PDB file of N, CA and C in Angstrom:
ATOM      1  N   MET A   1      73.044  86.100 101.312  1.00  0.00           N
ATOM      2  CA  MET A   1      72.169  85.264 100.528  1.00  0.00           C
ATOM      3  C   MET A   1      70.879  86.014 100.197  1.00  0.00           C
ATOM      4  N   TYR A   2      70.337  86.725 101.172  1.00  0.00           N
ATOM      5  CA  TYR A   2      69.088  87.456 100.945  1.00  0.00           C
ATOM      6  C   TYR A   2      69.267  88.521  99.870  1.00  0.00           C
ATOM      7  N   LEU A   3      70.401  89.240  99.931  1.00  0.00           N
ATOM      8  CA  LEU A   3      70.655  90.295  98.951  1.00  0.00           C
ATOM      9  C   LEU A   3      70.760  89.705  97.546  1.00  0.00           C
ATOM     10  N   ARG A   4      71.440  88.566  97.436  1.00  0.00           N
ATOM     11  CA  ARG A   4      71.559  87.910  96.137  1.00  0.00           C
ATOM     12  C   ARG A   4      70.188  87.524  95.600  1.00  0.00           C
ATOM     13  N   LYS A   5      69.358  86.924  96.438  1.00  0.00           N
ATOM     14  CA  LYS A   5      68.011  86.519  96.022  1.00  0.00           C
ATOM     15  C   LYS A   5      67.190  87.738  95.617  1.00  0.00           C
ATOM     16  N   LEU A   6      67.281  88.801  96.391  1.00  0.00           N
ATOM     17  CA  LEU A   6      66.551  90.027  96.081  1.00  0.00           C
ATOM     18  C   LEU A   6      66.946  90.567  94.706  1.00  0.00           C
ATOM     19  N   PHE A   7      68.252  90.604  94.430  1.00  0.00           N
ATOM     20  CA  PHE A   7      68.715  91.113  93.148  1.00  0.00           C
ATOM     21  C   PHE A   7      68.266  90.251  91.987  1.00  0.00           C
ATOM     22  N   PHE A   8      68.480  88.947  92.100  1.00  0.00           N
ATOM     23  CA  PHE A   8      68.201  88.081  90.965  1.00  0.00           C
ATOM     24  C   PHE A   8      66.730  87.807  90.782  1.00  0.00           C
ATOM     25  N   ASP A   9      65.938  87.940  91.818  1.00  0.00           N
ATOM     26  CA  ASP A   9      64.491  87.868  91.639  1.00  0.00           C
ATOM     27  C   ASP A   9      63.999  89.133  90.926  1.00  0.00           C
ATOM     28  N   SER A  10      64.645  90.256  91.214  1.00  0.00           N
ATOM     29  CA  SER A  10      64.246  91.524  90.613  1.00  0.00           C
ATOM     30  C   SER A  10      64.777  91.686  89.192  1.00  0.00           C
ATOM     31  N   PHE A  11      65.969  91.151  88.943  1.00  0.00           N
ATOM     32  CA  PHE A  11      66.620  91.317  87.646  1.00  0.00           C
ATOM     33  C   PHE A  11      67.097  89.962  87.121  1.00  0.00           C
ATOM     34  N   PRO A  12      66.189  89.089  86.642  1.00  0.00           N
ATOM     35  CA  PRO A  12      66.596  87.749  86.230  1.00  0.00           C
ATOM     36  C   PRO A  12      67.589  87.725  85.065  1.00  0.00           C
ATOM     37  N   ILE A  13      67.619  88.766  84.262  1.00  0.00           N
ATOM     38  CA  ILE A  13      68.550  88.801  83.133  1.00  0.00           C
ATOM     39  C   ILE A  13      70.003  88.818  83.610  1.00  0.00           C
ATOM     40  N   LEU A  14      70.233  89.275  84.820  1.00  0.00           N
ATOM     41  CA  LEU A  14      71.596  89.362  85.344  1.00  0.00           C
ATOM     42  C   LEU A  14      72.228  87.999  85.567  1.00  0.00           C
ATOM     43  N   THR A  15      71.426  86.961  85.778  1.00  0.00           N
ATOM     44  CA  THR A  15      71.997  85.642  86.051  1.00  0.00           C
ATOM     45  C   THR A  15      72.828  85.152  84.877  1.00  0.00           C
ATOM     46  N   LYS A  16      72.514  85.562  83.674  1.00  0.00           N
ATOM     47  CA  LYS A  16      73.310  85.187  82.497  1.00  0.00           C
ATOM     48  C   LYS A  16      74.698  85.802  82.559  1.00  0.00           C
ATOM     49  N   HIS A  17      74.773  87.049  82.968  1.00  0.00           N
ATOM     50  CA  HIS A  17      76.015  87.809  82.887  1.00  0.00           C
ATOM     51  C   HIS A  17      76.902  87.661  84.113  1.00  0.00           C
ATOM     52  N   LEU A  18      76.321  87.322  85.227  1.00  0.00           N
ATOM     53  CA  LEU A  18      77.103  87.218  86.459  1.00  0.00           C
ATOM     54  C   LEU A  18      77.236  85.752  86.837  1.00  0.00           C
ATOM     55  N   LYS A  19      78.189  85.071  86.221  1.00  0.00           N
ATOM     56  CA  LYS A  19      78.338  83.627  86.379  1.00  0.00           C
ATOM     57  C   LYS A  19      78.966  83.259  87.719  1.00  0.00           C
ATOM     58  N   THR A  20      79.890  84.052  88.205  1.00  0.00           N
ATOM     59  CA  THR A  20      80.598  83.675  89.428  1.00  0.00           C
ATOM     60  C   THR A  20      80.147  84.532  90.607  1.00  0.00           C
ATOM     61  N   ILE A  21      80.393  84.012  91.772  1.00  0.00           N
ATOM     62  CA  ILE A  21      80.068  84.732  93.013  1.00  0.00           C
ATOM     63  C   ILE A  21      80.869  86.037  93.070  1.00  0.00           C
ATOM     64  N   LYS A  22      82.147  85.997  92.676  1.00  0.00           N
ATOM     65  CA  LYS A  22      82.979  87.191  92.732  1.00  0.00           C
ATOM     66  C   LYS A  22      82.414  88.286  91.830  1.00  0.00           C
ATOM     67  N   ASN A  23      82.026  87.945  90.614  1.00  0.00           N
ATOM     68  CA  ASN A  23      81.435  88.937  89.722  1.00  0.00           C
ATOM     69  C   ASN A  23      80.147  89.490  90.311  1.00  0.00           C
ATOM     70  N   MET A  24      79.361  88.622  90.903  1.00  0.00           N
ATOM     71  CA  MET A  24      78.099  89.052  91.500  1.00  0.00           C
ATOM     72  C   MET A  24      78.355  90.004  92.665  1.00  0.00           C
ATOM     73  N   GLN A  25      79.344  89.678  93.510  1.00  0.00           N
ATOM     74  CA  GLN A  25      79.651  90.538  94.654  1.00  0.00           C
ATOM     75  C   GLN A  25      80.109  91.916  94.191  1.00  0.00           C
ATOM     76  N   HIS A  26      80.950  91.957  93.162  1.00  0.00           N
ATOM     77  CA  HIS A  26      81.420  93.241  92.637  1.00  0.00           C
ATOM     78  C   HIS A  26      80.257  94.037  92.049  1.00  0.00           C
ATOM     79  N   PHE A  27      79.369  93.354  91.355  1.00  0.00           N
ATOM     80  CA  PHE A  27      78.223  94.041  90.764  1.00  0.00           C
ATOM     81  C   PHE A  27      77.323  94.627  91.851  1.00  0.00           C
ATOM     82  N   ILE A  28      77.011  93.825  92.862  1.00  0.00           N
ATOM     83  CA  ILE A  28      76.114  94.285  93.931  1.00  0.00           C
ATOM     84  C   ILE A  28      76.747  95.460  94.673  1.00  0.00           C
ATOM     85  N   PHE A  29      78.047  95.373  94.976  1.00  0.00           N
ATOM     86  CA  PHE A  29      78.726  96.462  95.665  1.00  0.00           C
ATOM     87  C   PHE A  29      78.673  97.736  94.823  1.00  0.00           C
ATOM     88  N   GLY A  30      78.958  97.632  93.517  1.00  0.00           N
ATOM     89  CA  GLY A  30      78.896  98.785  92.631  1.00  0.00           C
ATOM     90  C   GLY A  30      77.500  99.366  92.544  1.00  0.00           C
ATOM     91  N   PHE A  31      76.508  98.486  92.477  1.00  0.00           N
ATOM     92  CA  PHE A  31      75.119  98.933  92.414  1.00  0.00           C
ATOM     93  C   PHE A  31      74.743  99.697  93.684  1.00  0.00           C
ATOM     94  N   LEU A  32      75.115  99.143  94.841  1.00  0.00           N
ATOM     95  CA  LEU A  32      74.794  99.805  96.108  1.00  0.00           C
ATOM     96  C   LEU A  32      75.450 101.171  96.197  1.00  0.00           C
ATOM     97  N   LEU A  33      76.714 101.261  95.777  1.00  0.00           N
ATOM     98  CA  LEU A  33      77.392 102.557  95.816  1.00  0.00           C
ATOM     99  C   LEU A  33      76.751 103.562  94.867  1.00  0.00           C
ATOM    100  N   ALA A  34      76.411 103.111  93.673  1.00  0.00           N
ATOM    101  CA  ALA A  34      75.905 104.034  92.660  1.00  0.00           C
ATOM    102  C   ALA A  34      74.462 104.459  92.893  1.00  0.00           C
ATOM    103  N   PHE A  35      73.620 103.542  93.364  1.00  0.00           N
ATOM    104  CA  PHE A  35      72.193 103.838  93.416  1.00  0.00           C
ATOM    105  C   PHE A  35      71.624 104.001  94.824  1.00  0.00           C
ATOM    106  N   CYS A  36      72.238 103.392  95.797  1.00  0.00           N
ATOM    107  CA  CYS A  36      71.672 103.441  97.148  1.00  0.00           C
ATOM    108  C   CYS A  36      72.341 104.481  98.035  1.00  0.00           C
ATOM    109  N   LEU A  37      73.628 104.687  97.869  1.00  0.00           N
ATOM    110  CA  LEU A  37      74.354 105.620  98.722  1.00  0.00           C
ATOM    111  C   LEU A  37      73.796 107.035  98.685  1.00  0.00           C
ATOM    112  N   PRO A  38      73.373 107.555  97.501  1.00  0.00           N
ATOM    113  CA  PRO A  38      72.825 108.918  97.505  1.00  0.00           C
ATOM    114  C   PRO A  38      71.560 109.080  98.341  1.00  0.00           C
ATOM    115  N   PHE A  39      70.892 107.984  98.669  1.00  0.00           N
ATOM    116  CA  PHE A  39      69.648 108.071  99.426  1.00  0.00           C
ATOM    117  C   PHE A  39      69.850 107.879 100.920  1.00  0.00           C
ATOM    118  N   VAL A  40      71.090 107.664 101.340  1.00  0.00           N
ATOM    119  CA  VAL A  40      71.373 107.514 102.761  1.00  0.00           C
ATOM    120  C   VAL A  40      71.168 108.866 103.431  1.00  0.00           C
ATOM    121  N   SER A  41      70.438 108.858 104.506  1.00  0.00           N
ATOM    122  CA  SER A  41      70.139 110.100 105.193  1.00  0.00           C
ATOM    123  C   SER A  41      71.368 110.580 105.961  1.00  0.00           C
ATOM    124  N   ALA A  42      71.748 111.815 105.737  1.00  0.00           N
ATOM    125  CA  ALA A  42      72.870 112.412 106.443  1.00  0.00           C
ATOM    126  C   ALA A  42      72.426 113.764 106.997  1.00  0.00           C
ATOM    127  N   GLN A  43      72.916 114.079 108.174  1.00  0.00           N
ATOM    128  CA  GLN A  43      72.553 115.332 108.822  1.00  0.00           C
ATOM    129  C   GLN A  43      73.777 116.231 108.871  1.00  0.00           C
ATOM    130  N   ASN A  44      73.635 117.466 108.462  1.00  0.00           N
ATOM    131  CA  ASN A  44      74.707 118.437 108.541  1.00  0.00           C
ATOM    132  C   ASN A  44      74.685 119.036 109.942  1.00  0.00           C
ATOM    133  N   ILE A  45      75.531 118.506 110.815  1.00  0.00           N
ATOM    134  CA  ILE A  45      75.495 118.941 112.217  1.00  0.00           C
ATOM    135  C   ILE A  45      76.086 120.333 112.408  1.00  0.00           C
ATOM    136  N   ALA A  46      76.778 120.859 111.412  1.00  0.00           N
ATOM    137  CA  ALA A  46      77.356 122.203 111.513  1.00  0.00           C
ATOM    138  C   ALA A  46      76.471 123.274 110.886  1.00  0.00           C
ATOM    139  N   LEU A  47      75.364 122.880 110.299  1.00  0.00           N
ATOM    140  CA  LEU A  47      74.511 123.833 109.591  1.00  0.00           C
ATOM    141  C   LEU A  47      74.029 124.946 110.521  1.00  0.00           C
ATOM    142  N   ASN A  48      74.310 126.177 110.129  1.00  0.00           N
ATOM    143  CA  ASN A  48      73.903 127.397 110.845  1.00  0.00           C
ATOM    144  C   ASN A  48      74.430 127.498 112.275  1.00  0.00           C
ATOM    145  N   LYS A  49      75.501 126.783 112.573  1.00  0.00           N
ATOM    146  CA  LYS A  49      76.127 126.892 113.892  1.00  0.00           C
ATOM    147  C   LYS A  49      77.128 128.037 113.868  1.00  0.00           C
ATOM    148  N   PRO A  50      77.409 128.646 115.024  1.00  0.00           N
ATOM    149  CA  PRO A  50      78.366 129.759 115.067  1.00  0.00           C
ATOM    150  C   PRO A  50      79.783 129.310 114.715  1.00  0.00           C
ATOM    151  N   ALA A  51      80.450 130.114 113.900  1.00  0.00           N
ATOM    152  CA  ALA A  51      81.815 129.812 113.487  1.00  0.00           C
ATOM    153  C   ALA A  51      82.705 131.020 113.734  1.00  0.00           C
ATOM    154  N   VAL A  52      83.916 130.761 114.187  1.00  0.00           N
ATOM    155  CA  VAL A  52      84.906 131.809 114.447  1.00  0.00           C
ATOM    156  C   VAL A  52      86.198 131.377 113.754  1.00  0.00           C
ATOM    157  N   ALA A  53      86.858 132.316 113.080  1.00  0.00           N
ATOM    158  CA  ALA A  53      88.093 132.000 112.369  1.00  0.00           C
ATOM    159  C   ALA A  53      89.245 132.837 112.892  1.00  0.00           C
ATOM    160  N   SER A  54      90.447 132.326 112.699  1.00  0.00           N
ATOM    161  CA  SER A  54      91.640 133.070 113.103  1.00  0.00           C
ATOM    162  C   SER A  54      91.795 134.336 112.259  1.00  0.00           C
ATOM    163  N   SER A  55      91.332 134.297 111.031  1.00  0.00           N
ATOM    164  CA  SER A  55      91.289 135.468 110.155  1.00  0.00           C
ATOM    165  C   SER A  55      90.304 135.169 109.038  1.00  0.00           C
ATOM    166  N   GLU A  56      89.842 136.220 108.370  1.00  0.00           N
ATOM    167  CA  GLU A  56      88.893 136.007 107.284  1.00  0.00           C
ATOM    168  C   GLU A  56      88.924 137.170 106.317  1.00  0.00           C
ATOM    169  N   GLU A  57      88.639 136.869 105.052  1.00  0.00           N
ATOM    170  CA  GLU A  57      88.449 137.915 104.057  1.00  0.00           C
ATOM    171  C   GLU A  57      87.069 138.529 104.299  1.00  0.00           C
ATOM    172  N   LYS A  58      86.935 139.816 104.026  1.00  0.00           N
ATOM    173  CA  LYS A  58      85.667 140.513 104.279  1.00  0.00           C
ATOM    174  C   LYS A  58      84.506 139.866 103.514  1.00  0.00           C
ATOM    175  N   ALA A  59      84.746 139.455 102.284  1.00  0.00           N
ATOM    176  CA  ALA A  59      83.687 138.866 101.457  1.00  0.00           C
ATOM    177  C   ALA A  59      83.422 137.397 101.789  1.00  0.00           C
ATOM    178  N   TYR A  60      84.324 136.763 102.548  1.00  0.00           N
ATOM    179  CA  TYR A  60      84.194 135.331 102.861  1.00  0.00           C
ATOM    180  C   TYR A  60      84.362 135.088 104.358  1.00  0.00           C
ATOM    181  N   PRO A  61      83.402 135.514 105.172  1.00  0.00           N
ATOM    182  CA  PRO A  61      83.523 135.369 106.629  1.00  0.00           C
ATOM    183  C   PRO A  61      83.370 133.915 107.076  1.00  0.00           C
ATOM    184  N   ALA A  62      83.741 133.661 108.302  1.00  0.00           N
ATOM    185  CA  ALA A  62      83.670 132.308 108.861  1.00  0.00           C
ATOM    186  C   ALA A  62      82.245 131.759 108.865  1.00  0.00           C
ATOM    187  N   ALA A  63      81.262 132.615 109.022  1.00  0.00           N
ATOM    188  CA  ALA A  63      79.865 132.166 109.038  1.00  0.00           C
ATOM    189  C   ALA A  63      79.459 131.482 107.733  1.00  0.00           C
ATOM    190  N   ASN A  64      80.145 131.817 106.638  1.00  0.00           N
ATOM    191  CA  ASN A  64      79.846 131.165 105.365  1.00  0.00           C
ATOM    192  C   ASN A  64      80.128 129.669 105.393  1.00  0.00           C
ATOM    193  N   ALA A  65      81.017 129.228 106.268  1.00  0.00           N
ATOM    194  CA  ALA A  65      81.376 127.809 106.334  1.00  0.00           C
ATOM    195  C   ALA A  65      80.217 126.943 106.830  1.00  0.00           C
ATOM    196  N   THR A  66      79.267 127.538 107.513  1.00  0.00           N
ATOM    197  CA  THR A  66      78.170 126.750 108.072  1.00  0.00           C
ATOM    198  C   THR A  66      76.803 127.147 107.525  1.00  0.00           C
ATOM    199  N   ASP A  67      76.771 127.897 106.431  1.00  0.00           N
ATOM    200  CA  ASP A  67      75.483 128.357 105.915  1.00  0.00           C
ATOM    201  C   ASP A  67      74.776 127.343 105.016  1.00  0.00           C
ATOM    202  N   GLY A  68      75.431 126.230 104.711  1.00  0.00           N
ATOM    203  CA  GLY A  68      74.797 125.185 103.920  1.00  0.00           C
ATOM    204  C   GLY A  68      74.955 125.333 102.425  1.00  0.00           C
ATOM    205  N   LYS A  69      75.551 126.407 101.963  1.00  0.00           N
ATOM    206  CA  LYS A  69      75.761 126.608 100.523  1.00  0.00           C
ATOM    207  C   LYS A  69      77.086 125.955 100.127  1.00  0.00           C
ATOM    208  N   ILE A  70      77.022 125.061  99.147  1.00  0.00           N
ATOM    209  CA  ILE A  70      78.217 124.321  98.747  1.00  0.00           C
ATOM    210  C   ILE A  70      78.586 124.709  97.313  1.00  0.00           C
ATOM    211  N   THR A  71      79.246 125.843  97.165  1.00  0.00           N
ATOM    212  CA  THR A  71      79.737 126.285  95.866  1.00  0.00           C
ATOM    213  C   THR A  71      81.063 126.990  96.076  1.00  0.00           C
ATOM    214  N   ARG A  72      81.743 127.273  94.991  1.00  0.00           N
ATOM    215  CA  ARG A  72      83.009 128.001  95.095  1.00  0.00           C
ATOM    216  C   ARG A  72      82.811 129.464  95.475  1.00  0.00           C
ATOM    217  N   GLU A  73      81.649 130.019  95.196  1.00  0.00           N
ATOM    218  CA  GLU A  73      81.412 131.432  95.485  1.00  0.00           C
ATOM    219  C   GLU A  73      81.174 131.688  96.972  1.00  0.00           C
ATOM    220  N   PHE A  74      80.811 130.646  97.693  1.00  0.00           N
ATOM    221  CA  PHE A  74      80.520 130.794  99.118  1.00  0.00           C
ATOM    222  C   PHE A  74      81.498 129.964  99.916  1.00  0.00           C
ATOM    223  N   GLY A  75      81.823 130.416 101.074  1.00  0.00           N
ATOM    224  CA  GLY A  75      82.741 129.693 101.945  1.00  0.00           C
ATOM    225  C   GLY A  75      83.611 130.663 102.715  1.00  0.00           C
ATOM    226  N   TRP A  76      84.461 130.093 103.529  1.00  0.00           N
ATOM    227  CA  TRP A  76      85.370 130.899 104.335  1.00  0.00           C
ATOM    228  C   TRP A  76      86.738 130.909 103.684  1.00  0.00           C
ATOM    229  N   ILE A  77      87.356 132.074 103.651  1.00  0.00           N
ATOM    230  CA  ILE A  77      88.726 132.217 103.173  1.00  0.00           C
ATOM    231  C   ILE A  77      89.480 133.041 104.211  1.00  0.00           C
ATOM    232  N   SER A  78      90.647 132.537 104.599  1.00  0.00           N
ATOM    233  CA  SER A  78      91.452 133.302 105.560  1.00  0.00           C
ATOM    234  C   SER A  78      91.994 134.555 104.884  1.00  0.00           C
ATOM    235  N   ALA A  79      92.353 135.528 105.696  1.00  0.00           N
ATOM    236  CA  ALA A  79      92.861 136.802 105.169  1.00  0.00           C
ATOM    237  C   ALA A  79      94.134 136.576 104.357  1.00  0.00           C
ATOM    238  N   LYS A  80      94.317 137.368 103.308  1.00  0.00           N
ATOM    239  CA  LYS A  80      95.465 137.187 102.416  1.00  0.00           C
ATOM    240  C   LYS A  80      96.796 137.343 103.143  1.00  0.00           C
ATOM    241  N   ASN A  81      96.863 138.252 104.102  1.00  0.00           N
ATOM    242  CA  ASN A  81      98.116 138.486 104.811  1.00  0.00           C
ATOM    243  C   ASN A  81      98.247 137.655 106.083  1.00  0.00           C
ATOM    244  N   ALA A  82      97.324 136.750 106.337  1.00  0.00           N
ATOM    245  CA  ALA A  82      97.355 135.928 107.552  1.00  0.00           C
ATOM    246  C   ALA A  82      98.417 134.842 107.444  1.00  0.00           C
ATOM    247  N   ARG A  83      99.085 134.601 108.555  1.00  0.00           N
ATOM    248  CA  ARG A  83     100.104 133.555 108.608  1.00  0.00           C
ATOM    249  C   ARG A  83      99.482 132.285 109.165  1.00  0.00           C
ATOM    250  N   PRO A  84      99.943 131.136 108.727  1.00  0.00           N
ATOM    251  CA  PRO A  84      99.431 129.873 109.264  1.00  0.00           C
ATOM    252  C   PRO A  84      99.722 129.764 110.753  1.00  0.00           C
ATOM    253  N   PRO A  85      98.978 129.030 111.493  1.00  0.00           N
ATOM    254  CA  PRO A  85      97.898 128.151 111.051  1.00  0.00           C
ATOM    255  C   PRO A  85      96.597 128.923 110.836  1.00  0.00           C
ATOM    256  N   HIS A  86      95.815 128.483 109.875  1.00  0.00           N
ATOM    257  CA  HIS A  86      94.506 129.072 109.603  1.00  0.00           C
ATOM    258  C   HIS A  86      93.481 128.194 110.319  1.00  0.00           C
ATOM    259  N   ILE A  87      92.789 128.769 111.264  1.00  0.00           N
ATOM    260  CA  ILE A  87      91.912 127.988 112.126  1.00  0.00           C
ATOM    261  C   ILE A  87      90.461 128.419 111.949  1.00  0.00           C
ATOM    262  N   LEU A  88      89.589 127.442 111.786  1.00  0.00           N
ATOM    263  CA  LEU A  88      88.145 127.666 111.737  1.00  0.00           C
ATOM    264  C   LEU A  88      87.539 126.846 112.862  1.00  0.00           C
ATOM    265  N   ASP A  89      86.889 127.502 113.792  1.00  0.00           N
ATOM    266  CA  ASP A  89      86.295 126.843 114.949  1.00  0.00           C
ATOM    267  C   ASP A  89      84.784 126.920 114.839  1.00  0.00           C
ATOM    268  N   ILE A  90      84.126 125.766 114.846  1.00  0.00           N
ATOM    269  CA  ILE A  90      82.669 125.705 114.758  1.00  0.00           C
ATOM    270  C   ILE A  90      82.130 125.159 116.070  1.00  0.00           C
ATOM    271  N   ASP A  91      81.262 125.911 116.701  1.00  0.00           N
ATOM    272  CA  ASP A  91      80.638 125.489 117.955  1.00  0.00           C
ATOM    273  C   ASP A  91      79.376 124.687 117.615  1.00  0.00           C
ATOM    274  N   LEU A  92      79.431 123.379 117.801  1.00  0.00           N
ATOM    275  CA  LEU A  92      78.280 122.526 117.476  1.00  0.00           C
ATOM    276  C   LEU A  92      77.174 122.610 118.530  1.00  0.00           C
ATOM    277  N   GLN A  93      77.443 123.223 119.663  1.00  0.00           N
ATOM    278  CA  GLN A  93      76.474 123.533 120.721  1.00  0.00           C
ATOM    279  C   GLN A  93      75.948 122.329 121.491  1.00  0.00           C
ATOM    280  N   LYS A  94      76.302 121.126 121.087  1.00  0.00           N
ATOM    281  CA  LYS A  94      75.982 119.928 121.866  1.00  0.00           C
ATOM    282  C   LYS A  94      76.824 118.780 121.332  1.00  0.00           C
ATOM    283  N   TYR A  95      76.795 117.651 122.022  1.00  0.00           N
ATOM    284  CA  TYR A  95      77.548 116.479 121.597  1.00  0.00           C
ATOM    285  C   TYR A  95      76.760 115.686 120.566  1.00  0.00           C
ATOM    286  N   TYR A  96      77.486 115.122 119.585  1.00  0.00           N
ATOM    287  CA  TYR A  96      76.883 114.293 118.547  1.00  0.00           C
ATOM    288  C   TYR A  96      77.631 112.984 118.446  1.00  0.00           C
ATOM    289  N   ASN A  97      76.951 111.924 118.153  1.00  0.00           N
ATOM    290  CA  ASN A  97      77.588 110.653 117.799  1.00  0.00           C
ATOM    291  C   ASN A  97      77.729 110.630 116.279  1.00  0.00           C
ATOM    292  N   VAL A  98      78.961 110.571 115.821  1.00  0.00           N
ATOM    293  CA  VAL A  98      79.189 110.551 114.370  1.00  0.00           C
ATOM    294  C   VAL A  98      79.892 109.275 113.964  1.00  0.00           C
TER     295      VAL A  98
END
């Protein structure tokens, strides 16, 4: 009820378009996902932690997996001639609640 009041007090024009509770619930859920989720604080618990791999390409070592760079040019790649399983082990150095 509070969320509904907050939305419609802030955006009175929406009351015309959202006639039913179901439409309103779908709108609020979509709004929360689109506008609020990006602002949720998240911690990268693997950032700069030691990583060891079963194999690695020289240009893409296991340490790249925890350096915080999220692009195709950076990351870990197992060696071309390595047989499965391909294992990447990251030592988080302490316990975390996730």
